Amino acid sequence: MKNILKAVAIYLKDWKNLLVHSLVGFGILGIAIFLPVTPLLRIAFLVMVIVLNVIRMRWERSRIKKADTI
């Protein structure tokens, strides 16, 4: 449980994640105002953004580790 909370804290402290989630939030709000979309589609889009951010963070971490070993 501690590892999960630590991972969530790290995820939420990353400024790139905050920026992406803010942009997605404004995008969803704009779409909701101008184009009615089902809540399921909005949730799917949000989950997709989270998955892509996790992949990006893992890729960046592995790139930094490789740079440290060289």
PDB file of N, CA and C in Angstrom:
ATOM      1  N   MET A   1       0.826  -1.199   0.000  1.00  0.00           N
ATOM      2  CA  MET A   1       0.000   0.000   0.000  1.00  0.00           C
ATOM      3  C   MET A   1       0.865   1.255   0.000  1.00  0.00           C
ATOM      4  N   LYS A   2       1.992   1.193   0.746  1.00  0.00           N
ATOM      5  CA  LYS A   2       2.877   2.344   0.810  1.00  0.00           C
ATOM      6  C   LYS A   2       3.481   2.658  -0.557  1.00  0.00           C
ATOM      7  N   ASN A   3       3.826   1.594  -1.302  1.00  0.00           N
ATOM      8  CA  ASN A   3       4.419   1.796  -2.625  1.00  0.00           C
ATOM      9  C   ASN A   3       3.429   2.443  -3.580  1.00  0.00           C
ATOM     10  N   ILE A   4       2.169   2.044  -3.474  1.00  0.00           N
ATOM     11  CA  ILE A   4       1.147   2.618  -4.349  1.00  0.00           C
ATOM     12  C   ILE A   4       0.975   4.099  -4.050  1.00  0.00           C
ATOM     13  N   LEU A   5       0.908   4.458  -2.785  1.00  0.00           N
ATOM     14  CA  LEU A   5       0.758   5.865  -2.405  1.00  0.00           C
ATOM     15  C   LEU A   5       1.973   6.684  -2.823  1.00  0.00           C
ATOM     16  N   LYS A   6       3.161   6.091  -2.691  1.00  0.00           N
ATOM     17  CA  LYS A   6       4.381   6.784  -3.105  1.00  0.00           C
ATOM     18  C   LYS A   6       4.385   7.008  -4.614  1.00  0.00           C
ATOM     19  N   ALA A   7       3.955   6.005  -5.378  1.00  0.00           N
ATOM     20  CA  ALA A   7       3.902   6.129  -6.843  1.00  0.00           C
ATOM     21  C   ALA A   7       2.883   7.188  -7.262  1.00  0.00           C
ATOM     22  N   VAL A   8       1.740   7.228  -6.591  1.00  0.00           N
ATOM     23  CA  VAL A   8       0.727   8.237  -6.902  1.00  0.00           C
ATOM     24  C   VAL A   8       1.255   9.629  -6.569  1.00  0.00           C
ATOM     25  N   ALA A   9       1.956   9.768  -5.459  1.00  0.00           N
ATOM     26  CA  ALA A   9       2.517  11.069  -5.087  1.00  0.00           C
ATOM     27  C   ALA A   9       3.540  11.537  -6.120  1.00  0.00           C
ATOM     28  N   ILE A  10       4.392  10.640  -6.573  1.00  0.00           N
ATOM     29  CA  ILE A  10       5.376  10.994  -7.597  1.00  0.00           C
ATOM     30  C   ILE A  10       4.668  11.381  -8.883  1.00  0.00           C
ATOM     31  N   TYR A  11       3.646  10.622  -9.253  1.00  0.00           N
ATOM     32  CA  TYR A  11       2.895  10.892 -10.472  1.00  0.00           C
ATOM     33  C   TYR A  11       2.254  12.280 -10.422  1.00  0.00           C
ATOM     34  N   LEU A  12       1.700  12.639  -9.285  1.00  0.00           N
ATOM     35  CA  LEU A  12       1.006  13.917  -9.176  1.00  0.00           C
ATOM     36  C   LEU A  12       1.953  15.106  -9.041  1.00  0.00           C
ATOM     37  N   LYS A  13       3.209  14.878  -8.655  1.00  0.00           N
ATOM     38  CA  LYS A  13       4.162  15.969  -8.504  1.00  0.00           C
ATOM     39  C   LYS A  13       4.854  16.338  -9.814  1.00  0.00           C
ATOM     40  N   ASP A  14       4.736  15.500 -10.829  1.00  0.00           N
ATOM     41  CA  ASP A  14       5.393  15.756 -12.104  1.00  0.00           C
ATOM     42  C   ASP A  14       4.677  16.896 -12.821  1.00  0.00           C
ATOM     43  N   TRP A  15       5.399  17.966 -13.146  1.00  0.00           N
ATOM     44  CA  TRP A  15       4.770  19.147 -13.740  1.00  0.00           C
ATOM     45  C   TRP A  15       4.219  18.856 -15.128  1.00  0.00           C
ATOM     46  N   LYS A  16       4.822  17.926 -15.846  1.00  0.00           N
ATOM     47  CA  LYS A  16       4.320  17.595 -17.181  1.00  0.00           C
ATOM     48  C   LYS A  16       2.949  16.935 -17.074  1.00  0.00           C
ATOM     49  N   ASN A  17       2.770  16.087 -16.079  1.00  0.00           N
ATOM     50  CA  ASN A  17       1.468  15.462 -15.870  1.00  0.00           C
ATOM     51  C   ASN A  17       0.413  16.497 -15.512  1.00  0.00           C
ATOM     52  N   LEU A  18       0.783  17.430 -14.646  1.00  0.00           N
ATOM     53  CA  LEU A  18      -0.167  18.475 -14.266  1.00  0.00           C
ATOM     54  C   LEU A  18      -0.572  19.304 -15.478  1.00  0.00           C
ATOM     55  N   LEU A  19       0.393  19.611 -16.342  1.00  0.00           N
ATOM     56  CA  LEU A  19       0.102  20.379 -17.542  1.00  0.00           C
ATOM     57  C   LEU A  19      -0.833  19.605 -18.473  1.00  0.00           C
ATOM     58  N   VAL A  20      -0.524  18.338 -18.704  1.00  0.00           N
ATOM     59  CA  VAL A  20      -1.349  17.531 -19.603  1.00  0.00           C
ATOM     60  C   VAL A  20      -2.757  17.375 -19.049  1.00  0.00           C
ATOM     61  N   HIS A  21      -2.882  17.100 -17.762  1.00  0.00           N
ATOM     62  CA  HIS A  21      -4.208  16.934 -17.170  1.00  0.00           C
ATOM     63  C   HIS A  21      -4.998  18.241 -17.190  1.00  0.00           C
ATOM     64  N   SER A  22      -4.328  19.360 -17.024  1.00  0.00           N
ATOM     65  CA  SER A  22      -5.014  20.647 -17.115  1.00  0.00           C
ATOM     66  C   SER A  22      -5.529  20.871 -18.538  1.00  0.00           C
ATOM     67  N   LEU A  23      -4.673  20.611 -19.524  1.00  0.00           N
ATOM     68  CA  LEU A  23      -5.092  20.783 -20.918  1.00  0.00           C
ATOM     69  C   LEU A  23      -6.238  19.837 -21.276  1.00  0.00           C
ATOM     70  N   VAL A  24      -6.153  18.611 -20.796  1.00  0.00           N
ATOM     71  CA  VAL A  24      -7.219  17.644 -21.058  1.00  0.00           C
ATOM     72  C   VAL A  24      -8.513  18.100 -20.388  1.00  0.00           C
ATOM     73  N   GLY A  25      -8.413  18.606 -19.178  1.00  0.00           N
ATOM     74  CA  GLY A  25      -9.597  19.103 -18.479  1.00  0.00           C
ATOM     75  C   GLY A  25     -10.270  20.233 -19.237  1.00  0.00           C
ATOM     76  N   PHE A  26      -9.479  21.195 -19.711  1.00  0.00           N
ATOM     77  CA  PHE A  26     -10.049  22.281 -20.502  1.00  0.00           C
ATOM     78  C   PHE A  26     -10.608  21.766 -21.821  1.00  0.00           C
ATOM     79  N   GLY A  27      -9.924  20.785 -22.408  1.00  0.00           N
ATOM     80  CA  GLY A  27     -10.424  20.193 -23.649  1.00  0.00           C
ATOM     81  C   GLY A  27     -11.756  19.496 -23.449  1.00  0.00           C
ATOM     82  N   ILE A  28     -11.857  18.715 -22.392  1.00  0.00           N
ATOM     83  CA  ILE A  28     -13.119  18.023 -22.092  1.00  0.00           C
ATOM     84  C   ILE A  28     -14.219  19.035 -21.803  1.00  0.00           C
ATOM     85  N   LEU A  29     -13.880  20.096 -21.076  1.00  0.00           N
ATOM     86  CA  LEU A  29     -14.871  21.129 -20.782  1.00  0.00           C
ATOM     87  C   LEU A  29     -15.341  21.803 -22.072  1.00  0.00           C
ATOM     88  N   GLY A  30     -14.399  22.120 -22.953  1.00  0.00           N
ATOM     89  CA  GLY A  30     -14.760  22.744 -24.229  1.00  0.00           C
ATOM     90  C   GLY A  30     -15.609  21.824 -25.085  1.00  0.00           C
ATOM     91  N   ILE A  31     -15.245  20.551 -25.129  1.00  0.00           N
ATOM     92  CA  ILE A  31     -16.034  19.581 -25.895  1.00  0.00           C
ATOM     93  C   ILE A  31     -17.428  19.439 -25.295  1.00  0.00           C
ATOM     94  N   ALA A  32     -17.495  19.412 -23.971  1.00  0.00           N
ATOM     95  CA  ALA A  32     -18.800  19.262 -23.312  1.00  0.00           C
ATOM     96  C   ALA A  32     -19.714  20.451 -23.601  1.00  0.00           C
ATOM     97  N   ILE A  33     -19.123  21.632 -23.740  1.00  0.00           N
ATOM     98  CA  ILE A  33     -19.938  22.818 -24.009  1.00  0.00           C
ATOM     99  C   ILE A  33     -20.408  22.843 -25.458  1.00  0.00           C
ATOM    100  N   PHE A  34     -19.489  22.562 -26.394  1.00  0.00           N
ATOM    101  CA  PHE A  34     -19.811  22.705 -27.803  1.00  0.00           C
ATOM    102  C   PHE A  34     -20.276  21.421 -28.478  1.00  0.00           C
ATOM    103  N   LEU A  35     -19.879  20.265 -27.946  1.00  0.00           N
ATOM    104  CA  LEU A  35     -20.228  18.996 -28.576  1.00  0.00           C
ATOM    105  C   LEU A  35     -20.573  17.989 -27.494  1.00  0.00           C
ATOM    106  N   PRO A  36     -21.827  17.674 -27.338  1.00  0.00           N
ATOM    107  CA  PRO A  36     -22.208  16.728 -26.280  1.00  0.00           C
ATOM    108  C   PRO A  36     -21.585  15.344 -26.523  1.00  0.00           C
ATOM    109  N   VAL A  37     -20.840  14.860 -25.562  1.00  0.00           N
ATOM    110  CA  VAL A  37     -20.161  13.566 -25.651  1.00  0.00           C
ATOM    111  C   VAL A  37     -20.592  12.741 -24.438  1.00  0.00           C
ATOM    112  N   THR A  38     -20.713  11.444 -24.616  1.00  0.00           N
ATOM    113  CA  THR A  38     -21.136  10.585 -23.511  1.00  0.00           C
ATOM    114  C   THR A  38     -20.067  10.575 -22.419  1.00  0.00           C
ATOM    115  N   PRO A  39     -20.478  10.457 -21.172  1.00  0.00           N
ATOM    116  CA  PRO A  39     -19.508  10.407 -20.075  1.00  0.00           C
ATOM    117  C   PRO A  39     -18.518   9.249 -20.220  1.00  0.00           C
ATOM    118  N   LEU A  40     -18.950   8.137 -20.797  1.00  0.00           N
ATOM    119  CA  LEU A  40     -18.056   7.000 -20.994  1.00  0.00           C
ATOM    120  C   LEU A  40     -16.895   7.369 -21.911  1.00  0.00           C
ATOM    121  N   LEU A  41     -17.157   8.141 -22.949  1.00  0.00           N
ATOM    122  CA  LEU A  41     -16.098   8.575 -23.857  1.00  0.00           C
ATOM    123  C   LEU A  41     -15.129   9.527 -23.147  1.00  0.00           C
ATOM    124  N   ARG A  42     -15.653  10.391 -22.306  1.00  0.00           N
ATOM    125  CA  ARG A  42     -14.785  11.304 -21.538  1.00  0.00           C
ATOM    126  C   ARG A  42     -13.875  10.518 -20.591  1.00  0.00           C
ATOM    127  N   ILE A  43     -14.443   9.531 -19.915  1.00  0.00           N
ATOM    128  CA  ILE A  43     -13.645   8.709 -18.993  1.00  0.00           C
ATOM    129  C   ILE A  43     -12.585   7.932 -19.762  1.00  0.00           C
ATOM    130  N   ALA A  44     -12.950   7.388 -20.919  1.00  0.00           N
ATOM    131  CA  ALA A  44     -11.989   6.644 -21.735  1.00  0.00           C
ATOM    132  C   ALA A  44     -10.836   7.545 -22.167  1.00  0.00           C
ATOM    133  N   PHE A  45     -11.134   8.778 -22.543  1.00  0.00           N
ATOM    134  CA  PHE A  45     -10.097   9.728 -22.938  1.00  0.00           C
ATOM    135  C   PHE A  45      -9.174  10.051 -21.766  1.00  0.00           C
ATOM    136  N   LEU A  46      -9.733  10.242 -20.589  1.00  0.00           N
ATOM    137  CA  LEU A  46      -8.937  10.542 -19.407  1.00  0.00           C
ATOM    138  C   LEU A  46      -8.031   9.364 -19.047  1.00  0.00           C
ATOM    139  N   VAL A  47      -8.562   8.142 -19.115  1.00  0.00           N
ATOM    140  CA  VAL A  47      -7.753   6.950 -18.835  1.00  0.00           C
ATOM    141  C   VAL A  47      -6.621   6.835 -19.850  1.00  0.00           C
ATOM    142  N   MET A  48      -6.901   7.134 -21.120  1.00  0.00           N
ATOM    143  CA  MET A  48      -5.872   7.080 -22.152  1.00  0.00           C
ATOM    144  C   MET A  48      -4.743   8.073 -21.842  1.00  0.00           C
ATOM    145  N   VAL A  49      -5.089   9.253 -21.396  1.00  0.00           N
ATOM    146  CA  VAL A  49      -4.072  10.255 -21.050  1.00  0.00           C
ATOM    147  C   VAL A  49      -3.216   9.766 -19.886  1.00  0.00           C
ATOM    148  N   ILE A  50      -3.826   9.171 -18.885  1.00  0.00           N
ATOM    149  CA  ILE A  50      -3.074   8.669 -17.735  1.00  0.00           C
ATOM    150  C   ILE A  50      -2.126   7.565 -18.163  1.00  0.00           C
ATOM    151  N   VAL A  51      -2.598   6.639 -18.994  1.00  0.00           N
ATOM    152  CA  VAL A  51      -1.740   5.541 -19.469  1.00  0.00           C
ATOM    153  C   VAL A  51      -0.561   6.090 -20.271  1.00  0.00           C
ATOM    154  N   LEU A  52      -0.817   7.040 -21.152  1.00  0.00           N
ATOM    155  CA  LEU A  52       0.275   7.621 -21.938  1.00  0.00           C
ATOM    156  C   LEU A  52       1.275   8.365 -21.056  1.00  0.00           C
ATOM    157  N   ASN A  53       0.796   9.027 -19.999  1.00  0.00           N
ATOM    158  CA  ASN A  53       1.699   9.709 -19.079  1.00  0.00           C
ATOM    159  C   ASN A  53       2.565   8.714 -18.305  1.00  0.00           C
ATOM    160  N   VAL A  54       1.991   7.602 -17.891  1.00  0.00           N
ATOM    161  CA  VAL A  54       2.769   6.583 -17.183  1.00  0.00           C
ATOM    162  C   VAL A  54       3.841   6.007 -18.103  1.00  0.00           C
ATOM    163  N   ILE A  55       3.477   5.734 -19.353  1.00  0.00           N
ATOM    164  CA  ILE A  55       4.465   5.231 -20.319  1.00  0.00           C
ATOM    165  C   ILE A  55       5.576   6.252 -20.517  1.00  0.00           C
ATOM    166  N   ARG A  56       5.207   7.538 -20.646  1.00  0.00           N
ATOM    167  CA  ARG A  56       6.209   8.589 -20.828  1.00  0.00           C
ATOM    168  C   ARG A  56       7.148   8.680 -19.633  1.00  0.00           C
ATOM    169  N   MET A  57       6.581   8.581 -18.427  1.00  0.00           N
ATOM    170  CA  MET A  57       7.418   8.669 -17.229  1.00  0.00           C
ATOM    171  C   MET A  57       8.380   7.493 -17.140  1.00  0.00           C
ATOM    172  N   ARG A  58       7.934   6.289 -17.483  1.00  0.00           N
ATOM    173  CA  ARG A  58       8.819   5.124 -17.446  1.00  0.00           C
ATOM    174  C   ARG A  58       9.917   5.243 -18.498  1.00  0.00           C
ATOM    175  N   TRP A  59       9.557   5.731 -19.690  1.00  0.00           N
ATOM    176  CA  TRP A  59      10.543   5.908 -20.743  1.00  0.00           C
ATOM    177  C   TRP A  59      11.592   6.943 -20.318  1.00  0.00           C
ATOM    178  N   GLU A  60      11.142   8.026 -19.724  1.00  0.00           N
ATOM    179  CA  GLU A  60      12.055   9.071 -19.283  1.00  0.00           C
ATOM    180  C   GLU A  60      12.979   8.560 -18.172  1.00  0.00           C
ATOM    181  N   ARG A  61      12.440   7.775 -17.248  1.00  0.00           N
ATOM    182  CA  ARG A  61      13.247   7.213 -16.163  1.00  0.00           C
ATOM    183  C   ARG A  61      14.314   6.264 -16.711  1.00  0.00           C
ATOM    184  N   SER A  62      13.931   5.425 -17.679  1.00  0.00           N
ATOM    185  CA  SER A  62      14.917   4.499 -18.253  1.00  0.00           C
ATOM    186  C   SER A  62      15.972   5.258 -19.046  1.00  0.00           C
ATOM    187  N   ARG A  63      15.598   6.339 -19.694  1.00  0.00           N
ATOM    188  CA  ARG A  63      16.549   7.150 -20.451  1.00  0.00           C
ATOM    189  C   ARG A  63      17.550   7.816 -19.498  1.00  0.00           C
ATOM    190  N   ILE A  64      17.075   8.284 -18.365  1.00  0.00           N
ATOM    191  CA  ILE A  64      17.961   8.922 -17.385  1.00  0.00           C
ATOM    192  C   ILE A  64      18.926   7.890 -16.798  1.00  0.00           C
ATOM    193  N   LYS A  65      18.422   6.685 -16.508  1.00  0.00           N
ATOM    194  CA  LYS A  65      19.292   5.623 -15.971  1.00  0.00           C
ATOM    195  C   LYS A  65      20.366   5.258 -16.970  1.00  0.00           C
ATOM    196  N   LYS A  66      20.023   5.181 -18.248  1.00  0.00           N
ATOM    197  CA  LYS A  66      21.019   4.863 -19.288  1.00  0.00           C
ATOM    198  C   LYS A  66      22.054   5.969 -19.384  1.00  0.00           C
ATOM    199  N   ALA A  67      21.628   7.217 -19.254  1.00  0.00           N
ATOM    200  CA  ALA A  67      22.568   8.345 -19.325  1.00  0.00           C
ATOM    201  C   ALA A  67      23.510   8.333 -18.119  1.00  0.00           C
ATOM    202  N   ASP A  68      23.031   7.896 -16.968  1.00  0.00           N
ATOM    203  CA  ASP A  68      23.864   7.847 -15.779  1.00  0.00           C
ATOM    204  C   ASP A  68      24.939   6.761 -15.874  1.00  0.00           C
ATOM    205  N   THR A  69      24.629   5.676 -16.574  1.00  0.00           N
ATOM    206  CA  THR A  69      25.587   4.577 -16.667  1.00  0.00           C
ATOM    207  C   THR A  69      26.672   4.842 -17.693  1.00  0.00           C
ATOM    208  N   ILE A  70      26.426   5.766 -18.615  1.00  0.00           N
ATOM    209  CA  ILE A  70      27.427   6.053 -19.664  1.00  0.00           C
ATOM    210  C   ILE A  70      28.474   6.994 -19.171  1.00  0.00           C
TER     211      ILE A  70
END
